[in-house]
């Protein structure tokens, strides 16, 4: 007999808003993410708009993609923005020393990126160069993009064909400055963050949201160093400055650890459960970094931005090791759904997250094969969860003694649930991480009357199942009807290794 796991969701008890920016994306000059992924050039036979692939744009618009981070990643700290403006034939070339040691022709630069964001309807998130750049260089980049009227940088922008300034909020002050972005000590970088943040000016009505380069995994001392020095201090001109508004966090999920990633499509049950236990660690990391931040910012005015997360496997055989091209299976999709539940629970502190990466790199939404486009299982998790964008989170209380598994000394909770409400509807996301057993879940939905408007499920017979150019829909959402609704209870039979969403129409009348 299948054991029943019970969960209580209070439909009338509102938590913090789940920012749509938690569903952000990341595009680095790495492998085929930009060239061949987002950008094919104006002369390509693949339909494009000023070189940008329109099939990729159309697919991502289906996700209501809220923001896109660029140009890196590690590439950001060897990128000099002036090399990527002006006539393409005159742009200097460079070597991408981080990723494959290949030549970069700089044909995709500031104007191309911001045009891409306009096509996507996404907000740009630019990661500025602290590692090998200067304060002046970054300050002038902000001016070039956002200033109106007249100035040397405005004149240069107009010379390059853009009269009106762009609006941009999100600005990264370096990337992984503890590693590829400069191998800095935390106290040294904290002072640089203040310096660079000072000169990343707000021009006109544009207001920057400055994101300091934060910790790698569990480096809580790094977060503390930033929070100690953050301040909201006066300067000689009588103004008050908040040098940065958020700090970042990077954490990737491996099968074992950084030096033993494992294969994307070949793994056994032990490797699967280790992966899920490692993915679940994101909850601990956010909790502990948030605790450090709370000591200096109890009102949670400073955001936590998880701007690199996702699975990282060995590259596919026969591909350039520096291009980080990997397949994407049902296992990856379950890692994504688990992460989103964690982000939802921490919506009071986590203001943005960016999966690595959008096209053809690591845990991608999309794989391209010439003129063919493949939607990965992870893409479908983003699409099924769209209803959580800017919705109000609902508290979920799970009593799950039957949903616990011991994995290599860690406790893995094999049922994950989150919920939110917006515009008279509620969306419940449920993930069964048990690789072999159905979980019977009884949801006690209290406070408001509701009807079930529909449900969908993402699963497949095997955990390593994935989509290819020859078989596009091996792992794709399907209608889901394995539930029973009676009164304020909803009983869901959740198959092994599956992700499901249930949408409710909610009324304003209280239940008895």
Protein backbone atom coordinates (compact mmCIF):
# COMPACT_ATOMS: atom_id res chain seq x y z
CA UNK A 1 0.00 0.00 0.00
CA UNK A 2 1.38 3.40 -0.99
CA UNK A 3 2.07 5.64 2.01
CA UNK A 4 0.42 9.05 1.96
CA UNK A 5 2.38 12.26 2.45
CA UNK A 6 0.27 15.13 3.72
CA UNK A 7 0.88 18.81 3.09
CA UNK A 8 -1.00 21.90 4.23
CA UNK A 9 -1.23 24.97 2.02
CA UNK A 10 -2.93 28.06 3.42
CA UNK A 11 -4.43 29.77 0.39
CA UNK A 12 -5.26 32.89 2.38
CA UNK A 13 -1.88 33.35 4.12
CA UNK A 14 0.41 35.43 1.93
CA UNK A 15 4.18 35.23 1.93
CA UNK A 16 6.72 37.37 0.05
CA UNK A 17 6.41 37.94 -3.69
CA UNK A 18 8.35 35.52 -5.91
CA UNK A 19 10.25 37.82 -8.24
CA UNK A 20 9.99 36.83 -11.88
CA UNK A 21 13.75 37.49 -12.04
CA UNK A 22 14.31 34.22 -10.17
CA UNK A 23 13.61 32.71 -13.63
CA UNK A 24 16.53 34.59 -15.23
CA UNK A 25 19.03 33.30 -17.75
CA UNK A 26 22.73 33.56 -18.56
CA UNK A 27 24.54 33.94 -21.88
CA UNK A 28 28.34 33.89 -21.94
CA UNK A 29 30.78 34.02 -24.82
CA UNK A 30 31.44 30.34 -24.31
CA UNK A 31 31.25 27.54 -26.85
CA UNK A 32 28.15 27.86 -29.04
CA UNK A 33 26.03 29.92 -26.64
CA UNK A 34 26.45 33.21 -28.52
CA UNK A 35 27.80 32.25 -31.95
CA UNK A 36 25.58 29.56 -33.45
CA UNK A 37 23.21 29.81 -30.50
CA UNK A 38 21.84 33.32 -30.15
CA UNK A 39 23.73 34.84 -33.07
CA UNK A 40 24.28 33.52 -36.60
CA UNK A 41 25.12 36.74 -38.45
CA UNK A 42 23.12 38.75 -40.96
CA UNK A 43 24.22 36.57 -43.90
CA UNK A 44 23.00 33.30 -42.39
CA UNK A 45 20.28 31.28 -44.16
CA UNK A 46 18.76 30.71 -40.72
CA UNK A 47 16.00 33.34 -40.23
CA UNK A 48 17.45 36.19 -38.19
CA UNK A 49 16.99 39.80 -37.19
CA UNK A 50 20.31 41.66 -37.47
CA UNK A 51 22.05 38.33 -37.00
CA UNK A 52 20.00 37.12 -34.01
CA UNK A 53 18.32 33.72 -34.47
CA UNK A 54 14.58 34.18 -34.53
CA UNK A 55 13.72 30.57 -33.63
CA UNK A 56 15.72 30.92 -30.41
CA UNK A 57 14.00 34.22 -29.66
CA UNK A 58 10.56 32.71 -30.28
CA UNK A 59 11.29 29.73 -28.02
CA UNK A 60 12.54 31.91 -25.17
CA UNK A 61 9.59 34.27 -25.48
CA UNK A 62 7.51 31.21 -24.63
CA UNK A 63 9.16 31.30 -21.20
CA UNK A 64 8.49 35.02 -20.59
CA UNK A 65 12.24 35.24 -19.99
CA UNK A 66 12.62 38.11 -17.47
CA UNK A 67 16.32 38.92 -17.74
CA UNK A 68 19.52 37.83 -19.48
CA UNK A 69 23.02 38.06 -17.99
CA UNK A 70 25.95 38.83 -20.35
CA UNK A 71 28.87 38.71 -21.39
CA UNK A 72 29.98 36.30 -18.67
CA UNK A 73 30.98 34.50 -16.53
CA UNK A 74 34.73 34.39 -16.66
CA UNK A 75 34.69 35.97 -20.12
CA UNK A 76 33.33 39.20 -18.62
CA UNK A 77 36.60 39.96 -16.89
CA UNK A 78 38.66 39.85 -20.06
CA UNK A 79 36.03 41.66 -22.15
CA UNK A 80 36.59 45.30 -23.08
CA UNK A 81 33.34 46.76 -24.29
CA UNK A 82 34.81 49.23 -26.81
CA UNK A 83 36.06 46.25 -28.84
CA UNK A 84 32.42 45.28 -29.46
CA UNK A 85 30.98 48.51 -30.89
CA UNK A 86 31.15 50.21 -34.28
CA UNK A 87 31.35 48.61 -37.75
CA UNK A 88 31.88 44.87 -37.38
CA UNK A 89 34.68 44.77 -39.97
CA UNK A 90 36.66 47.22 -37.83
CA UNK A 91 36.22 45.52 -34.47
CA UNK A 92 39.46 44.06 -33.09
CA UNK A 93 39.71 40.33 -32.55
CA UNK A 94 40.75 38.66 -29.31
CA UNK A 95 41.46 35.21 -27.90
CA UNK A 96 38.93 33.73 -25.50
CA UNK A 97 41.51 32.37 -23.06
CA UNK A 98 38.96 30.98 -20.62
CA UNK A 99 36.85 28.91 -22.98
CA UNK A 100 38.55 26.86 -25.67
CA UNK A 101 41.35 29.32 -26.49
CA UNK A 102 39.44 30.27 -29.65
CA UNK A 103 39.32 33.55 -31.55
CA UNK A 104 36.52 35.99 -30.73
CA UNK A 105 35.68 38.46 -33.50
CA UNK A 106 33.55 40.74 -31.29
CA UNK A 107 30.69 40.79 -33.82
CA UNK A 108 28.27 40.33 -30.93
CA UNK A 109 28.70 43.32 -28.63
CA UNK A 110 26.72 45.89 -26.67
CA UNK A 111 24.30 46.92 -29.43
CA UNK A 112 23.65 43.32 -30.46
CA UNK A 113 23.05 42.21 -26.88
CA UNK A 114 20.64 45.02 -26.11
CA UNK A 115 18.80 44.40 -29.38
CA UNK A 116 18.50 40.74 -28.37
CA UNK A 117 16.99 41.78 -25.03
CA UNK A 118 14.49 43.99 -26.84
CA UNK A 119 13.47 41.08 -29.08
CA UNK A 120 13.09 38.83 -26.03
CA UNK A 121 11.24 41.40 -23.94
CA UNK A 122 13.88 40.71 -21.27
CA UNK A 123 15.77 43.08 -19.00
CA UNK A 124 19.52 43.19 -19.62
CA UNK A 125 21.93 42.24 -16.85
CA UNK A 126 25.48 43.28 -17.76
CA UNK A 127 28.44 41.87 -15.88
CA UNK A 128 31.19 44.49 -15.91
CA UNK A 129 34.94 43.92 -16.07
CA UNK A 130 36.69 44.35 -12.72
CA UNK A 131 39.36 41.68 -13.19
CA UNK A 132 41.26 43.26 -16.09
CA UNK A 133 39.30 46.50 -16.56
CA UNK A 134 39.37 49.93 -14.96
CA UNK A 135 36.93 52.06 -13.05
CA UNK A 136 36.91 54.54 -15.95
CA UNK A 137 36.14 51.82 -18.49
CA UNK A 138 33.14 50.56 -16.53
CA UNK A 139 31.90 54.07 -15.74
CA UNK A 140 32.01 55.02 -19.41
CA UNK A 141 30.17 51.83 -20.42
CA UNK A 142 27.30 52.78 -18.12
CA UNK A 143 27.33 56.30 -19.59
CA UNK A 144 27.41 54.98 -23.17
CA UNK A 145 24.34 52.85 -22.57
CA UNK A 146 22.16 54.95 -20.28
CA UNK A 147 22.94 58.67 -20.63
CA UNK A 148 20.79 61.07 -22.65
CA UNK A 149 21.63 64.54 -23.91
CA UNK A 150 25.24 65.09 -24.83
CA UNK A 151 28.56 63.78 -23.59
CA UNK A 152 31.57 62.06 -25.20
CA UNK A 153 30.04 58.62 -24.64
CA UNK A 154 26.60 59.72 -25.84
CA UNK A 155 28.19 61.12 -29.00
CA UNK A 156 29.99 57.80 -29.55
CA UNK A 157 26.75 55.85 -29.14
CA UNK A 158 24.96 58.09 -31.62
CA UNK A 159 27.85 57.72 -34.04
CA UNK A 160 27.25 53.96 -33.82
CA UNK A 161 23.59 54.30 -34.74
CA UNK A 162 21.69 54.53 -31.45
CA UNK A 163 20.12 57.91 -30.70
CA UNK A 164 18.12 57.14 -27.57
CA UNK A 165 19.72 55.65 -24.45
CA UNK A 166 18.75 52.21 -23.25
CA UNK A 167 17.21 51.59 -19.86
CA UNK A 168 19.14 49.10 -17.80
CA UNK A 169 18.83 48.22 -14.12
CA UNK A 170 21.04 45.25 -13.44
CA UNK A 171 24.79 45.77 -13.37
CA UNK A 172 27.33 43.28 -12.07
CA UNK A 173 30.48 44.65 -10.45
CA UNK A 174 32.78 41.88 -11.68
CA UNK A 175 32.34 38.13 -11.72
CA UNK A 176 33.87 35.41 -9.53
CA UNK A 177 36.49 37.85 -8.30
CA UNK A 178 37.60 35.12 -5.88
CA UNK A 179 38.66 33.04 -8.93
CA UNK A 180 38.78 33.70 -12.67
CA UNK A 181 37.78 37.33 -12.10
CA UNK A 182 41.05 38.25 -10.38
CA UNK A 183 41.85 35.73 -7.61
CA UNK A 184 41.20 38.44 -5.04
CA UNK A 185 40.93 38.34 -1.29
CA UNK A 186 37.49 39.24 0.07
CA UNK A 187 38.57 42.42 1.85
CA UNK A 188 40.38 43.66 -1.25
CA UNK A 189 37.40 43.01 -3.51
CA UNK A 190 34.99 44.57 -1.00
CA UNK A 191 36.91 47.85 -1.31
CA UNK A 192 36.89 47.55 -5.12
CA UNK A 193 33.14 46.97 -5.07
CA UNK A 194 32.74 50.27 -3.21
CA UNK A 195 35.04 52.04 -5.65
CA UNK A 196 33.48 50.65 -8.85
CA UNK A 197 29.99 51.04 -7.40
CA UNK A 198 30.69 54.71 -6.76
CA UNK A 199 31.52 55.41 -10.39
CA UNK A 200 28.73 53.32 -11.92
CA UNK A 201 26.51 56.39 -12.04
CA UNK A 202 22.77 56.80 -12.29
CA UNK A 203 22.23 58.92 -15.42
CA UNK A 204 18.95 60.79 -15.79
CA UNK A 205 16.02 58.60 -14.77
CA UNK A 206 18.00 55.37 -15.09
CA UNK A 207 18.64 53.71 -11.73
CA UNK A 208 21.23 50.96 -11.52
CA UNK A 209 20.79 47.91 -9.34
CA UNK A 210 24.45 47.09 -8.64
CA UNK A 211 25.29 43.47 -7.89
CA UNK A 212 28.58 42.77 -6.12
CA UNK A 213 30.51 39.64 -7.00
CA UNK A 214 29.62 37.35 -4.12
CA UNK A 215 30.61 34.03 -2.69
CA UNK A 216 31.52 30.70 -4.20
CA UNK A 217 29.40 27.95 -2.61
CA UNK A 218 29.94 28.05 1.19
CA UNK A 219 32.43 30.90 1.53
CA UNK A 220 30.44 32.70 4.21
CA UNK A 221 33.44 34.86 5.11
CA UNK A 222 33.25 36.39 1.62
CA UNK A 223 29.61 37.36 2.14
CA UNK A 224 30.44 38.81 5.54
CA UNK A 225 33.31 40.89 4.14
CA UNK A 226 30.95 42.43 1.59
CA UNK A 227 28.15 43.07 4.06
CA UNK A 228 30.55 44.62 6.59
CA UNK A 229 31.78 47.20 4.13
CA UNK A 230 28.56 47.76 2.19
CA UNK A 231 27.27 50.77 4.04
CA UNK A 232 24.96 53.55 3.02
CA UNK A 233 27.36 56.37 3.65
CA UNK A 234 27.61 60.04 2.94
CA UNK A 235 30.27 61.49 0.65
CA UNK A 236 31.89 64.88 0.42
CA UNK A 237 29.20 66.16 -1.94
CA UNK A 238 26.55 65.63 0.70
CA UNK A 239 24.89 62.70 -1.10
CA UNK A 240 24.29 59.29 0.38
CA UNK A 241 25.54 56.30 -1.57
CA UNK A 242 24.63 52.67 -1.39
CA UNK A 243 27.56 51.12 -3.24
CA UNK A 244 25.71 47.95 -4.25
CA UNK A 245 22.18 46.69 -3.81
CA UNK A 246 22.80 42.93 -3.95
CA UNK A 247 25.47 40.26 -3.67
CA UNK A 248 25.74 37.15 -5.80
CA UNK A 249 26.15 33.45 -5.03
CA UNK A 250 27.41 30.70 -7.36
CA UNK A 251 26.71 27.00 -6.86
CA UNK A 252 26.71 24.19 -9.41
CA UNK A 253 25.32 20.70 -8.96
CA UNK A 254 27.66 17.82 -9.77
CA UNK A 255 27.24 14.11 -9.46
CA UNK A 256 30.03 13.91 -6.90
CA UNK A 257 32.19 17.05 -6.71
CA UNK A 258 33.90 19.56 -8.98
CA UNK A 259 36.55 17.15 -10.16
CA UNK A 260 34.21 14.24 -10.78
CA UNK A 261 31.22 15.62 -12.58
CA UNK A 262 29.89 12.45 -14.23
CA UNK A 263 28.21 11.91 -17.58
CA UNK A 264 25.01 13.66 -18.59
CA UNK A 265 23.20 10.59 -19.94
CA UNK A 266 24.98 7.63 -18.31
CA UNK A 267 24.43 7.26 -14.57
CA UNK A 268 23.09 4.73 -12.10
CA UNK A 269 20.62 5.18 -9.25
CA UNK A 270 23.34 5.94 -6.71
CA UNK A 271 24.66 8.73 -8.94
CA UNK A 272 21.13 10.04 -9.43
CA UNK A 273 20.44 10.28 -5.71
CA UNK A 274 23.85 11.88 -5.04
CA UNK A 275 22.99 14.49 -7.65
CA UNK A 276 19.67 15.26 -5.99
CA UNK A 277 21.25 15.49 -2.55
CA UNK A 278 23.82 17.92 -3.93
CA UNK A 279 21.09 19.97 -5.61
CA UNK A 280 19.13 20.12 -2.35
CA UNK A 281 22.20 21.70 -0.71
CA UNK A 282 21.19 25.00 -2.34
CA UNK A 283 18.66 25.41 0.48
CA UNK A 284 21.37 25.18 3.13
CA UNK A 285 23.63 27.60 1.26
CA UNK A 286 20.94 30.25 0.83
CA UNK A 287 19.89 29.87 4.47
CA UNK A 288 23.41 30.31 5.81
CA UNK A 289 24.38 33.17 3.50
CA UNK A 290 21.08 34.86 4.38
CA UNK A 291 21.86 34.45 8.08
CA UNK A 292 25.16 36.30 7.56
CA UNK A 293 23.39 39.02 5.60
CA UNK A 294 20.71 39.33 8.30
CA UNK A 295 23.37 40.31 10.83
CA UNK A 296 24.12 43.46 8.84
CA UNK A 297 20.82 43.89 7.00
CA UNK A 298 17.95 42.60 9.16
CA UNK A 299 15.41 44.43 7.00
CA UNK A 300 16.56 42.45 3.95
CA UNK A 301 17.14 45.50 1.78
CA UNK A 302 20.13 43.83 0.13
CA UNK A 303 19.22 41.15 -2.38
CA UNK A 304 20.84 37.76 -2.90
CA UNK A 305 21.34 36.98 -6.59
CA UNK A 306 22.10 33.34 -7.48
CA UNK A 307 23.38 34.30 -10.90
CA UNK A 308 25.06 30.98 -11.71
CA UNK A 309 23.40 27.67 -10.89
CA UNK A 310 22.60 24.39 -12.60
CA UNK A 311 24.11 21.01 -13.40
CA UNK A 312 27.65 20.59 -14.70
CA UNK A 313 28.55 17.30 -16.39
CA UNK A 314 31.41 16.02 -18.49
CA UNK A 315 31.23 17.41 -22.03
CA UNK A 316 29.68 15.26 -24.73
CA UNK A 317 32.23 12.97 -26.44
CA UNK A 318 33.86 14.51 -29.48
CA UNK A 319 33.17 18.13 -28.49
CA UNK A 320 35.66 20.81 -27.46
CA UNK A 321 36.26 20.42 -23.69
CA UNK A 322 36.31 24.21 -23.38
CA UNK A 323 32.83 24.57 -24.88
CA UNK A 324 30.96 22.85 -22.00
CA UNK A 325 28.35 21.27 -24.27
CA UNK A 326 26.29 18.65 -22.45
CA UNK A 327 23.04 16.82 -22.99
CA UNK A 328 20.02 17.55 -20.82
CA UNK A 329 17.88 14.76 -19.37
CA UNK A 330 14.90 14.30 -17.11
CA UNK A 331 17.39 14.30 -14.21
CA UNK A 332 18.35 17.87 -15.11
CA UNK A 333 14.71 18.91 -15.19
CA UNK A 334 14.18 17.59 -11.66
CA UNK A 335 17.25 19.48 -10.45
CA UNK A 336 15.67 22.65 -11.88
CA UNK A 337 12.24 22.07 -10.32
CA UNK A 338 13.86 21.39 -6.94
CA UNK A 339 15.87 24.61 -7.18
CA UNK A 340 12.79 26.68 -7.95
CA UNK A 341 10.99 25.36 -4.88
CA UNK A 342 14.02 26.43 -2.83
CA UNK A 343 14.12 29.88 -4.43
CA UNK A 344 10.39 30.29 -3.78
CA UNK A 345 10.88 29.51 -0.09
CA UNK A 346 13.59 32.18 0.11
CA UNK A 347 11.74 34.84 -1.86
CA UNK A 348 12.26 37.34 0.96
CA UNK A 349 16.01 37.40 0.18
CA UNK A 350 16.56 35.83 -3.26
CA UNK A 351 15.67 38.51 -5.80
CA UNK A 352 17.18 36.97 -8.93
CA UNK A 353 18.68 33.72 -10.20
CA UNK A 354 20.28 32.89 -13.54
CA UNK A 355 20.61 29.33 -14.79
CA UNK A 356 23.85 28.50 -16.59
CA UNK A 357 23.37 28.70 -19.50
CA UNK A 358 20.63 29.49 -22.00
CA UNK A 359 21.78 27.86 -25.26
CA UNK A 360 24.22 24.99 -25.97
CA UNK A 361 26.19 25.34 -22.70
CA UNK A 362 25.77 23.43 -19.41
CA UNK A 363 22.10 23.10 -18.31
CA UNK A 364 20.67 24.82 -21.38
CA UNK A 365 17.08 25.60 -22.27
CA UNK A 366 17.83 25.09 -25.94
CA UNK A 367 20.25 23.03 -28.02
CA UNK A 368 20.85 23.96 -31.65
CA UNK A 369 21.98 21.60 -34.40
CA UNK A 370 22.53 23.69 -37.51
CA UNK A 371 19.11 25.07 -38.36
CA UNK A 372 17.38 22.68 -35.94
CA UNK A 373 16.29 23.68 -32.46
CA UNK A 374 15.76 21.31 -29.52
CA UNK A 375 13.85 22.21 -26.37
CA UNK A 376 15.38 20.44 -23.39
CA UNK A 377 13.51 18.95 -20.42
CA UNK A 378 14.75 21.89 -18.35
CA UNK A 379 13.05 24.31 -20.76
CA UNK A 380 9.72 22.68 -19.93
CA UNK A 381 10.17 23.19 -16.18
CA UNK A 382 10.63 26.93 -16.78
CA UNK A 383 7.55 26.99 -18.99
CA UNK A 384 5.35 25.01 -16.58
CA UNK A 385 6.35 27.31 -13.70
CA UNK A 386 5.59 30.61 -15.47
CA UNK A 387 2.59 31.18 -13.21
CA UNK A 388 4.94 31.79 -10.27
CA UNK A 389 6.39 34.94 -11.89
CA UNK A 390 5.70 37.88 -9.54
CA UNK A 391 3.14 35.80 -7.68
CA UNK A 392 2.68 35.84 -3.91
CA UNK A 393 4.21 32.79 -2.29
CA UNK A 394 2.00 30.58 -0.13
CA UNK A 395 3.39 28.74 2.90
CA UNK A 396 3.56 24.97 2.50
CA UNK A 397 3.84 22.66 5.50
CA UNK A 398 4.84 19.11 4.54
CA UNK A 399 4.63 16.20 6.95
CA UNK A 400 6.86 13.76 5.09
CA UNK A 401 8.26 10.92 7.19
CA UNK A 402 7.70 8.71 4.16
CA UNK A 403 9.56 11.05 1.80
CA UNK A 404 13.04 10.77 3.32
CA UNK A 405 16.05 8.92 1.94
CA UNK A 406 19.58 8.68 3.31
CA UNK A 407 22.17 9.44 0.62
CA UNK A 408 25.87 9.22 1.42
CA UNK A 409 25.37 10.55 4.92
CA UNK A 410 22.93 13.22 3.77
CA UNK A 411 19.16 13.32 4.19
CA UNK A 412 17.32 13.77 0.92
CA UNK A 413 13.67 14.83 1.02
CA UNK A 414 12.17 13.14 -2.03
CA UNK A 415 9.01 15.24 -2.18
CA UNK A 416 9.29 18.95 -2.91
CA UNK A 417 6.30 21.33 -3.03
CA UNK A 418 5.85 25.07 -3.50
CA UNK A 419 2.81 27.23 -4.21
CA UNK A 420 1.87 30.78 -5.11
CA UNK A 421 -1.18 32.88 -5.94
CA UNK A 422 -1.84 35.65 -8.45
CA UNK A 423 -4.87 37.11 -10.23
CA UNK A 424 -7.40 34.77 -8.62
CA UNK A 425 -5.42 31.63 -9.35
CA UNK A 426 -2.97 29.46 -7.45
CA UNK A 427 -0.19 27.32 -8.88
CA UNK A 428 1.15 24.30 -7.02
CA UNK A 429 4.44 22.70 -8.13
CA UNK A 430 5.23 19.16 -6.98
CA UNK A 431 8.41 17.16 -7.57
CA UNK A 432 8.81 13.46 -6.81
CA UNK A 433 12.55 12.75 -6.60
CA UNK A 434 12.00 9.09 -5.80
CA UNK A 435 13.40 7.27 -8.80
CA UNK A 436 11.27 4.15 -8.38
CA UNK A 437 8.09 4.76 -6.39
CA UNK A 438 4.89 6.73 -6.83
CA UNK A 439 4.16 9.18 -4.03
CA UNK A 440 0.60 9.72 -2.93
CA UNK A 441 0.29 13.32 -1.80
CA UNK A 442 -2.74 14.68 0.06
CA UNK A 443 -2.93 18.46 -0.08
CA UNK A 444 -5.03 20.15 2.60
CA UNK A 445 -5.88 23.48 0.93
CA UNK A 446 -7.20 25.80 3.60
CA UNK A 447 -8.67 29.27 3.82
CA UNK A 448 -10.37 29.72 0.43
CA UNK A 449 -12.65 27.78 -1.88
CA UNK A 450 -11.10 26.49 -5.09
CA UNK A 451 -11.63 24.41 -8.20
CA UNK A 452 -8.98 22.61 -10.21
CA UNK A 453 -8.41 24.43 -13.50
CA UNK A 454 -5.91 21.96 -14.92
CA UNK A 455 -2.74 20.00 -14.33
CA UNK A 456 0.33 18.91 -16.30
CA UNK A 457 3.18 16.50 -15.72
CA UNK A 458 6.75 16.16 -16.95
CA UNK A 459 8.23 12.67 -16.75
CA UNK A 460 9.52 9.81 -18.89
CA UNK A 461 10.17 6.08 -18.46
CA UNK A 462 13.91 6.52 -17.82
CA UNK A 463 15.82 9.17 -15.90
CA UNK A 464 18.38 9.53 -18.69
CA UNK A 465 15.71 10.20 -21.36
CA UNK A 466 16.35 13.37 -23.37
CA UNK A 467 15.31 15.18 -26.53
CA UNK A 468 17.27 15.16 -29.79
CA UNK A 469 16.92 16.63 -33.27
CA UNK A 470 15.47 13.27 -34.39
CA UNK A 471 13.18 12.86 -31.36
CA UNK A 472 12.11 16.29 -30.12
CA UNK A 473 9.43 15.32 -27.59
CA UNK A 474 10.74 12.33 -25.66
CA UNK A 475 10.49 14.45 -22.49
CA UNK A 476 7.68 16.98 -22.82
CA UNK A 477 4.71 18.10 -20.68
CA UNK A 478 1.52 16.07 -20.83
CA UNK A 479 -1.97 16.58 -19.38
CA UNK A 480 -2.19 15.12 -15.86
CA UNK A 481 -5.33 13.65 -14.38
CA UNK A 482 -4.09 11.47 -11.52
CA UNK A 483 -5.73 13.53 -8.81
CA UNK A 484 -8.97 13.57 -6.84
CA UNK A 485 -10.63 16.69 -5.44
CA UNK A 486 -12.95 16.43 -2.46
CA UNK A 487 -13.86 19.46 -0.38
CA UNK A 488 -10.69 21.26 0.62
CA UNK A 489 -8.51 18.21 -0.06
CA UNK A 490 -6.66 17.35 -3.24
CA UNK A 491 -5.15 13.88 -3.55
CA UNK A 492 -2.37 13.61 -6.15
CA UNK A 493 -0.72 10.38 -7.30
CA UNK A 494 2.72 11.57 -8.32
CA UNK A 495 4.63 9.03 -10.45
CA UNK A 496 8.27 8.22 -9.82
CA UNK A 497 10.81 10.83 -11.03
CA UNK A 498 8.24 13.39 -12.09
CA UNK A 499 7.40 17.07 -11.92
CA UNK A 500 3.80 18.25 -11.96
CA UNK A 501 1.93 21.53 -11.73
CA UNK A 502 -1.67 21.97 -10.62
CA UNK A 503 -3.53 25.20 -11.32
CA UNK A 504 -6.44 26.27 -9.16
CA UNK A 505 -9.14 28.86 -9.58
CA UNK A 506 -9.55 30.42 -6.15
CA UNK A 507 -12.53 32.33 -4.76
CA UNK A 508 -12.55 34.89 -1.95
CA UNK A 509 -14.93 32.93 0.25
CA UNK A 510 -13.48 31.32 3.35
CA UNK A 511 -13.95 27.61 3.93
CA UNK A 512 -15.59 26.36 7.06
